[in-house]
Amino acid sequence: MIVKKLFFQNLIFCIIRIDNCLFHATLDDIDPEKIKDFIRKSRIKRNSKLSENMSPKQLLTHLDLLDSQGRVTNAAILLFGKKPQRFFISSEVKCIQFYGNNMVKPVPVYHVYRGDLFELIEQAVSFVMSRIDIWVGSRDTGSSVDTKYELPIQAVTEAIVNAIAHRDYTSNGSVQVMLFRNRLEIWNPGTLPQSLSIEKLYLPHNSIPHNPLIANPLYLSGDIERVGTGISDMIEKCVEMGLKKPGFTQDSNFSTILWRSEKGDSVTDSDQDNEMNINSGNCDGVIDSVIDSVIDGVIDSNYDIKTLAFAVTPKSRKEIMDLLGLVMHTKNHERHIVPLVAKGLLAMTIPDKPNSKYQKYVTTEKGKKLLN
């Protein structure tokens, strides 16, 4: 019985891989809220003319995500599906952190993220940025606190987006994001187009998306560029921070390597002696309380630090989401704002009307002490 069940599961998966449409997927498998979030984001990021009143069917038709017979395409499920992994098990992203420079156990952190492509990008980027070093400046020049990450967030995002957008979705393999002591390495089951080589990636080149039906929505959401400048920008951002040029390899998988700072000091200016490295612990005195708070779980990620520093003056939910580069989605609100309010680090300006459209959030005295 088990053998028969596995046989039919594999048969269904093979059908999905061969055809461009999921014959058993319908518009009921598309999440209307995700459609609304995408339209709002595209209007902000690309000034698109997409109407906020478009139905899921209208948007999918506009994006060529329905075929001539009105059937839902694979790309539509991956981008806007309620449960994409129900149809594409391997579309998950595996994020792993290692203690050293090699894949050696024990593994301190291992997460498998599931969701649509936009959620996978956000979760994977958050995984990396919350586990690398961050330098926090003082308030000598103003009320806000400057933060600098060990790796440029633009480069991290570009590498992860490329892996998710251009991977081979007919493969049983998954995207893997691996954080080593000396590097960030991102694998995806895919290959470069025949017209591109590793050497050409370092030169100006055209954008040749492996999955054009996926690339276009990711462009409209602001996650990727069409002109092929993404890798050049990634290299430039790393070099500007004094890091080695990113590396690329192609064998059974395509991989991107972002090299971390060897000494942990190349991303700071030499005259900024008052900056502190939170994750590596190069600080003393009152800053130890911040480290203790991070360890004790008061602050869960660098996104929390950015939010608290930003909300020293009252900020709306949208302003905070824009700062973090996230869409206005209930999940993002619950992940990045609600915990800070619950811990007494953020406060609502209209506490008796939590759902008011005029609601803003401000860092409490407790939150300020953690940043001060």
Protein backbone atom coordinates (compact mmCIF):
# COMPACT_ATOMS: atom_id res chain seq x y z
CA MET A 1 0.00 0.00 0.00
CA ILE A 2 2.82 2.38 0.93
CA VAL A 3 4.69 1.54 -2.29
CA LYS A 4 1.57 2.26 -4.34
CA LYS A 5 1.08 5.61 -2.55
CA LEU A 6 4.67 6.63 -3.21
CA PHE A 7 4.34 5.62 -6.85
CA PHE A 8 1.33 7.87 -7.40
CA GLN A 9 3.01 10.76 -5.51
CA ASN A 10 6.04 10.48 -7.79
CA LEU A 11 3.79 10.22 -10.85
CA ILE A 12 1.96 13.42 -9.91
CA PHE A 13 5.27 15.19 -9.28
CA CYS A 14 6.56 14.13 -12.70
CA ILE A 15 3.43 15.51 -14.35
CA ILE A 16 3.97 18.82 -12.55
CA ARG A 17 7.58 18.95 -13.72
CA ILE A 18 6.75 18.30 -17.37
CA ASP A 19 3.82 20.66 -17.82
CA ASN A 20 3.65 24.42 -17.41
CA CYS A 21 0.30 24.25 -15.60
CA LEU A 22 -0.85 22.43 -12.51
CA PHE A 23 -4.01 20.79 -13.77
CA HIS A 24 -5.29 20.17 -10.23
CA ALA A 25 -4.49 23.72 -9.04
CA THR A 26 -7.18 26.37 -9.37
CA LEU A 27 -7.72 30.02 -8.47
CA ASP A 28 -8.88 28.78 -5.05
CA ASP A 29 -5.22 27.88 -4.40
CA ILE A 30 -4.21 31.55 -4.89
CA ASP A 31 -4.16 33.81 -1.81
CA PRO A 32 -6.11 37.05 -2.48
CA GLU A 33 -4.23 38.88 0.30
CA LYS A 34 -0.93 38.11 -1.36
CA ILE A 35 -2.30 39.55 -4.59
CA LYS A 36 -3.27 42.78 -2.79
CA ASP A 37 0.12 43.05 -1.08
CA PHE A 38 1.91 42.55 -4.39
CA ILE A 39 -0.12 45.28 -6.11
CA ARG A 40 0.56 47.73 -3.27
CA LYS A 41 4.27 46.98 -3.33
CA SER A 42 4.53 47.27 -7.13
CA ARG A 43 2.83 50.68 -7.00
CA ILE A 44 5.35 51.86 -4.40
CA LYS A 45 8.51 50.26 -5.82
CA ARG A 46 7.90 50.60 -9.57
CA ASN A 47 5.11 53.17 -9.73
CA SER A 48 3.08 50.56 -11.59
CA LYS A 49 -0.41 51.34 -12.84
CA LEU A 50 -1.89 48.12 -11.48
CA SER A 51 -5.29 48.84 -9.99
CA GLU A 52 -5.72 48.07 -6.29
CA ASN A 53 -9.15 46.68 -7.17
CA MET A 54 -7.82 43.99 -9.53
CA SER A 55 -9.09 40.50 -8.79
CA PRO A 56 -6.63 37.59 -8.54
CA LYS A 57 -7.79 36.38 -11.96
CA GLN A 58 -7.26 39.81 -13.53
CA LEU A 59 -3.75 40.17 -12.08
CA LEU A 60 -2.68 36.66 -13.06
CA THR A 61 -3.99 37.24 -16.57
CA HIS A 62 -2.09 40.54 -16.76
CA LEU A 63 1.13 38.81 -15.65
CA ASP A 64 0.62 35.88 -18.07
CA LEU A 65 0.26 33.54 -15.11
CA LEU A 66 -2.87 31.93 -16.54
CA ASP A 67 -2.65 29.96 -19.76
CA SER A 68 -4.97 30.34 -22.77
CA GLN A 69 -7.44 27.98 -21.12
CA GLY A 70 -7.44 29.92 -17.85
CA ARG A 71 -5.42 27.33 -15.94
CA VAL A 72 -3.10 28.37 -13.12
CA THR A 73 0.58 28.16 -14.05
CA ASN A 74 3.39 26.83 -11.90
CA ALA A 75 4.78 30.35 -11.48
CA ALA A 76 1.45 31.62 -10.13
CA ILE A 77 1.47 28.97 -7.40
CA LEU A 78 5.09 29.70 -6.47
CA LEU A 79 4.45 33.46 -6.28
CA PHE A 80 0.95 33.72 -4.85
CA GLY A 81 -0.11 30.25 -3.75
CA LYS A 82 -1.62 29.64 -0.32
CA LYS A 83 0.61 26.59 0.15
CA PRO A 84 3.20 26.44 -2.66
CA GLN A 85 5.05 23.48 -1.11
CA ARG A 86 1.89 21.40 -1.50
CA PHE A 87 2.69 21.39 -5.22
CA PHE A 88 6.44 22.07 -5.19
CA ILE A 89 7.97 20.31 -2.20
CA SER A 90 11.53 21.33 -3.10
CA SER A 91 10.72 25.05 -3.42
CA GLU A 92 11.65 25.47 0.25
CA VAL A 93 14.86 27.25 1.34
CA LYS A 94 17.25 25.60 3.79
CA CYS A 95 19.28 28.01 5.95
CA ILE A 96 22.22 26.66 7.95
CA GLN A 97 24.86 28.25 10.15
CA PHE A 98 28.19 26.53 10.84
CA TYR A 99 30.68 27.28 13.60
CA GLY A 100 33.73 27.21 11.33
CA ASN A 101 34.63 27.40 7.64
CA ASN A 102 33.61 23.84 6.75
CA MET A 103 30.40 21.80 6.80
CA VAL A 104 31.15 20.11 10.10
CA LYS A 105 28.73 19.10 12.85
CA PRO A 106 27.44 20.19 15.29
CA VAL A 107 25.27 22.72 13.47
CA PRO A 108 24.17 25.58 15.75
CA VAL A 109 21.26 26.76 13.60
CA TYR A 110 19.25 24.99 10.91
CA HIS A 111 15.95 26.28 9.52
CA VAL A 112 13.81 25.12 6.62
CA TYR A 113 11.63 27.95 5.34
CA ARG A 114 8.44 27.45 3.36
CA GLY A 115 6.01 29.83 1.71
CA ASP A 116 5.70 31.81 -1.51
CA LEU A 117 8.80 33.21 -3.22
CA PHE A 118 8.42 36.63 -1.61
CA GLU A 119 8.23 35.06 1.84
CA LEU A 120 11.22 32.81 1.12
CA ILE A 121 13.32 35.82 0.13
CA GLU A 122 12.34 37.75 3.25
CA GLN A 123 12.92 34.80 5.59
CA ALA A 124 16.31 33.90 4.11
CA VAL A 125 17.57 37.50 4.15
CA SER A 126 16.36 37.90 7.74
CA PHE A 127 18.18 34.67 8.70
CA VAL A 128 21.50 36.02 7.41
CA MET A 129 21.19 39.61 8.60
CA SER A 130 20.21 38.55 12.12
CA ARG A 131 23.31 36.34 12.43
CA ILE A 132 26.11 38.50 11.09
CA ASP A 133 27.85 41.33 12.90
CA ILE A 134 26.19 44.73 13.16
CA TRP A 135 27.91 47.95 14.21
CA VAL A 136 25.80 50.47 16.09
CA GLY A 137 26.86 54.12 16.24
CA SER A 138 26.27 56.76 18.90
CA ARG A 139 23.76 59.60 19.07
CA ASP A 140 26.44 62.31 18.93
CA THR A 141 25.09 63.73 15.67
CA GLY A 142 21.36 63.22 16.21
CA SER A 143 18.55 61.24 17.83
CA SER A 144 18.75 58.31 15.42
CA VAL A 145 21.34 55.54 15.64
CA ASP A 146 23.32 54.52 12.57
CA THR A 147 23.77 50.79 11.97
CA LYS A 148 26.20 49.04 9.64
CA TYR A 149 26.06 45.38 8.81
CA GLU A 150 29.13 43.23 8.25
CA LEU A 151 27.80 42.32 4.81
CA PRO A 152 25.88 44.81 2.65
CA ILE A 153 22.19 43.92 2.81
CA GLN A 154 21.83 44.75 -0.90
CA ALA A 155 24.42 42.10 -1.79
CA VAL A 156 22.88 39.49 0.52
CA THR A 157 19.42 40.17 -0.89
CA GLU A 158 20.63 40.06 -4.51
CA ALA A 159 22.39 36.72 -4.00
CA ILE A 160 19.35 35.14 -2.35
CA VAL A 161 16.88 36.59 -4.86
CA ASN A 162 19.01 35.29 -7.76
CA ALA A 163 19.09 31.80 -6.26
CA ILE A 164 15.32 31.71 -5.75
CA ALA A 165 14.36 33.42 -9.01
CA HIS A 166 16.70 31.58 -11.37
CA ARG A 167 16.79 28.08 -9.88
CA ASP A 168 15.59 25.00 -11.74
CA TYR A 169 12.17 24.21 -10.29
CA THR A 170 12.08 20.82 -11.98
CA SER A 171 14.93 19.74 -9.71
CA ASN A 172 14.38 17.82 -6.49
CA GLY A 173 17.06 19.99 -4.86
CA SER A 174 16.42 23.08 -2.75
CA VAL A 175 18.11 26.46 -2.38
CA GLN A 176 20.62 26.35 0.48
CA VAL A 177 21.86 29.41 2.36
CA MET A 178 24.94 28.54 4.42
CA LEU A 179 26.62 30.95 6.80
CA PHE A 180 30.23 30.05 7.63
CA ARG A 181 32.65 31.96 9.83
CA ASN A 182 34.46 33.40 6.79
CA ARG A 183 31.73 33.51 4.14
CA LEU A 184 28.10 33.31 3.11
CA GLU A 185 27.52 30.63 0.49
CA ILE A 186 24.26 30.25 -1.44
CA TRP A 187 23.54 27.21 -3.60
CA ASN A 188 20.72 26.74 -6.04
CA PRO A 189 19.88 23.81 -8.32
CA GLY A 190 20.40 25.52 -11.64
CA THR A 191 22.90 26.46 -14.31
CA LEU A 192 23.98 29.61 -16.09
CA PRO A 193 22.52 30.28 -19.55
CA GLN A 194 24.78 29.05 -22.36
CA SER A 195 25.61 32.61 -23.36
CA LEU A 196 27.00 33.40 -19.89
CA SER A 197 30.10 32.16 -18.10
CA ILE A 198 31.58 32.75 -14.66
CA GLU A 199 34.05 35.21 -16.21
CA LYS A 200 31.28 37.18 -17.92
CA LEU A 201 29.41 37.63 -14.63
CA TYR A 202 32.10 40.12 -13.56
CA LEU A 203 31.48 42.17 -16.73
CA PRO A 204 28.40 44.09 -17.90
CA HIS A 205 25.92 41.57 -19.28
CA ASN A 206 22.28 41.23 -20.27
CA SER A 207 19.66 39.86 -17.94
CA ILE A 208 18.69 36.35 -19.05
CA PRO A 209 16.12 35.00 -16.56
CA HIS A 210 15.82 31.24 -16.25
CA ASN A 211 12.17 31.68 -15.20
CA PRO A 212 10.77 34.77 -16.99
CA LEU A 213 7.25 34.31 -15.57
CA ILE A 214 8.79 34.54 -12.10
CA ALA A 215 11.31 37.28 -12.94
CA ASN A 216 8.71 39.80 -14.12
CA PRO A 217 6.67 39.86 -10.87
CA LEU A 218 9.90 39.98 -8.83
CA TYR A 219 10.91 42.99 -10.91
CA LEU A 220 7.58 44.72 -10.28
CA SER A 221 7.95 44.08 -6.54
CA GLY A 222 11.39 45.70 -6.60
CA ASP A 223 13.25 42.50 -5.72
CA ILE A 224 15.27 42.24 -8.96
CA GLU A 225 16.37 44.46 -11.84
CA ARG A 226 15.73 43.78 -15.52
CA VAL A 227 18.89 45.28 -16.94
CA GLY A 228 21.36 42.75 -15.54
CA THR A 229 23.06 45.16 -13.12
CA GLY A 230 22.29 43.13 -10.00
CA ILE A 231 25.56 41.18 -9.85
CA SER A 232 27.61 44.28 -10.71
CA ASP A 233 25.92 46.13 -7.86
CA MET A 234 26.56 43.19 -5.54
CA ILE A 235 30.27 43.23 -6.37
CA GLU A 236 30.47 47.01 -6.03
CA LYS A 237 28.78 47.04 -2.59
CA CYS A 238 31.15 44.40 -1.24
CA VAL A 239 34.27 46.13 -2.59
CA GLU A 240 33.10 49.48 -1.17
CA MET A 241 33.03 47.87 2.28
CA GLY A 242 36.58 46.57 1.89
CA LEU A 243 35.50 42.97 1.34
CA LYS A 244 36.81 40.54 -1.26
CA LYS A 245 34.93 40.29 -4.53
CA PRO A 246 32.08 37.76 -4.44
CA GLY A 247 32.84 34.38 -6.01
CA PHE A 248 30.76 32.14 -8.26
CA THR A 249 31.03 28.43 -9.06
CA GLN A 250 29.13 26.12 -11.38
CA ASP A 251 29.02 22.34 -11.11
CA SER A 252 25.90 20.36 -10.26
CA ASN A 253 24.69 23.53 -8.51
CA PHE A 254 25.31 27.21 -9.05
CA SER A 255 26.74 28.96 -6.01
CA THR A 256 27.44 32.54 -4.95
CA ILE A 257 29.99 33.31 -2.24
CA LEU A 258 30.04 36.56 -0.24
CA TRP A 259 33.21 36.85 1.83
CA ARG A 260 32.89 38.10 5.39
CA SER A 261 35.28 40.54 6.99
CA GLU A 262 38.41 38.79 8.26
CA LYS A 263 39.01 41.18 11.16
CA GLY A 264 35.52 42.52 11.61
CA ASP A 265 36.65 46.13 11.24
CA SER A 266 36.68 46.83 7.51
CA VAL A 267 33.13 48.13 7.39
CA THR A 268 33.69 50.93 9.89
CA ASP A 269 35.45 54.21 9.40
CA SER A 270 38.72 54.55 11.30
CA ASP A 271 37.59 57.71 13.05
CA GLN A 272 34.41 56.13 14.45
CA ASP A 273 35.96 54.81 17.64
CA ASN A 274 32.70 54.93 19.55
CA GLU A 275 30.98 52.32 17.41
CA MET A 276 30.32 48.91 18.91
CA ASN A 277 30.12 45.47 17.35
CA ILE A 278 27.12 43.83 18.98
CA ASN A 279 27.46 40.29 17.70
CA SER A 280 31.20 39.89 18.18
CA GLY A 281 31.16 41.54 21.63
CA ASN A 282 33.84 44.21 21.01
CA CYS A 283 32.32 46.59 23.57
CA ASP A 284 32.16 47.13 27.30
CA GLY A 285 30.35 48.93 30.11
CA VAL A 286 26.69 49.61 29.56
CA ILE A 287 26.82 47.91 26.14
CA ASP A 288 27.15 44.57 27.92
CA SER A 289 23.51 44.95 28.89
CA VAL A 290 22.61 45.06 25.21
CA ILE A 291 24.55 41.86 24.56
CA ASP A 292 22.87 40.20 27.55
CA SER A 293 19.51 41.28 26.20
CA VAL A 294 20.27 39.80 22.79
CA ILE A 295 21.34 36.52 24.41
CA ASP A 296 18.31 36.46 26.71
CA GLY A 297 15.95 36.94 23.77
CA VAL A 298 14.81 40.49 24.54
CA ILE A 299 16.01 41.53 21.09
CA ASP A 300 15.64 38.71 18.57
CA SER A 301 17.26 40.16 15.44
CA ASN A 302 19.04 43.12 13.90
CA TYR A 303 15.68 44.06 12.38
CA ASP A 304 14.50 44.71 15.95
CA ILE A 305 17.46 47.01 16.58
CA LYS A 306 16.78 48.95 13.39
CA THR A 307 13.09 49.29 14.31
CA LEU A 308 13.81 50.58 17.81
CA ALA A 309 16.40 53.06 16.53
CA PHE A 310 14.03 54.26 13.80
CA ALA A 311 11.01 54.65 16.09
CA VAL A 312 12.65 57.00 18.60
CA THR A 313 10.14 59.40 17.08
CA PRO A 314 6.69 57.87 16.35
CA LYS A 315 6.51 55.89 13.13
CA SER A 316 3.60 54.23 11.35
CA ARG A 317 3.44 50.53 10.57
CA LYS A 318 4.03 51.32 6.90
CA GLU A 319 7.10 53.45 7.66
CA ILE A 320 8.61 50.61 9.70
CA MET A 321 7.88 48.03 7.00
CA ASP A 322 9.41 50.32 4.36
CA LEU A 323 12.54 50.72 6.54
CA LEU A 324 12.92 46.95 6.80
CA GLY A 325 12.18 46.47 3.10
CA LEU A 326 9.09 44.37 3.84
CA VAL A 327 5.56 44.42 2.44
CA MET A 328 2.54 45.47 4.47
CA HIS A 329 1.41 42.01 5.52
CA THR A 330 -0.14 40.76 8.76
CA LYS A 331 2.64 38.17 9.09
CA ASN A 332 5.33 40.88 8.95
CA HIS A 333 3.47 42.96 11.54
CA GLU A 334 3.20 39.97 13.86
CA ARG A 335 6.85 39.03 13.31
CA HIS A 336 8.55 42.42 13.68
CA ILE A 337 6.26 44.80 15.60
CA VAL A 338 3.97 42.80 17.89
CA PRO A 339 6.86 41.09 19.81
CA LEU A 340 8.52 44.45 20.51
CA VAL A 341 5.23 45.85 21.85
CA ALA A 342 4.72 42.73 23.98
CA LYS A 343 8.21 43.12 25.47
CA GLY A 344 7.59 46.77 26.31
CA LEU A 345 10.22 48.04 23.88
CA LEU A 346 7.69 49.66 21.52
CA ALA A 347 4.45 51.38 22.49
CA MET A 348 1.35 52.29 20.49
CA THR A 349 0.49 55.98 20.34
CA ILE A 350 -3.22 55.06 20.36
CA PRO A 351 -3.26 52.02 22.68
CA ASP A 352 -7.05 51.97 23.13
CA LYS A 353 -7.53 51.65 19.34
CA PRO A 354 -4.84 49.19 18.16
CA ASN A 355 -6.32 48.94 14.65
CA SER A 356 -6.65 52.67 14.08
CA LYS A 357 -5.40 53.83 10.69
CA TYR A 358 -3.64 56.67 12.56
CA GLN A 359 -1.76 54.22 14.80
CA LYS A 360 1.96 54.78 15.25
CA TYR A 361 4.67 53.12 17.28
CA VAL A 362 7.34 54.75 19.44
CA THR A 363 10.34 53.32 21.27
CA THR A 364 9.76 53.20 25.03
CA GLU A 365 12.24 54.25 27.71
CA LYS A 366 13.06 50.56 28.16
CA GLY A 367 13.79 50.30 24.44
CA LYS A 368 15.92 53.43 24.49
CA LYS A 369 18.05 52.07 27.34
CA LEU A 370 18.90 49.05 25.20
CA LEU A 371 20.00 51.36 22.38
CA ASN A 372 21.69 54.07 24.47
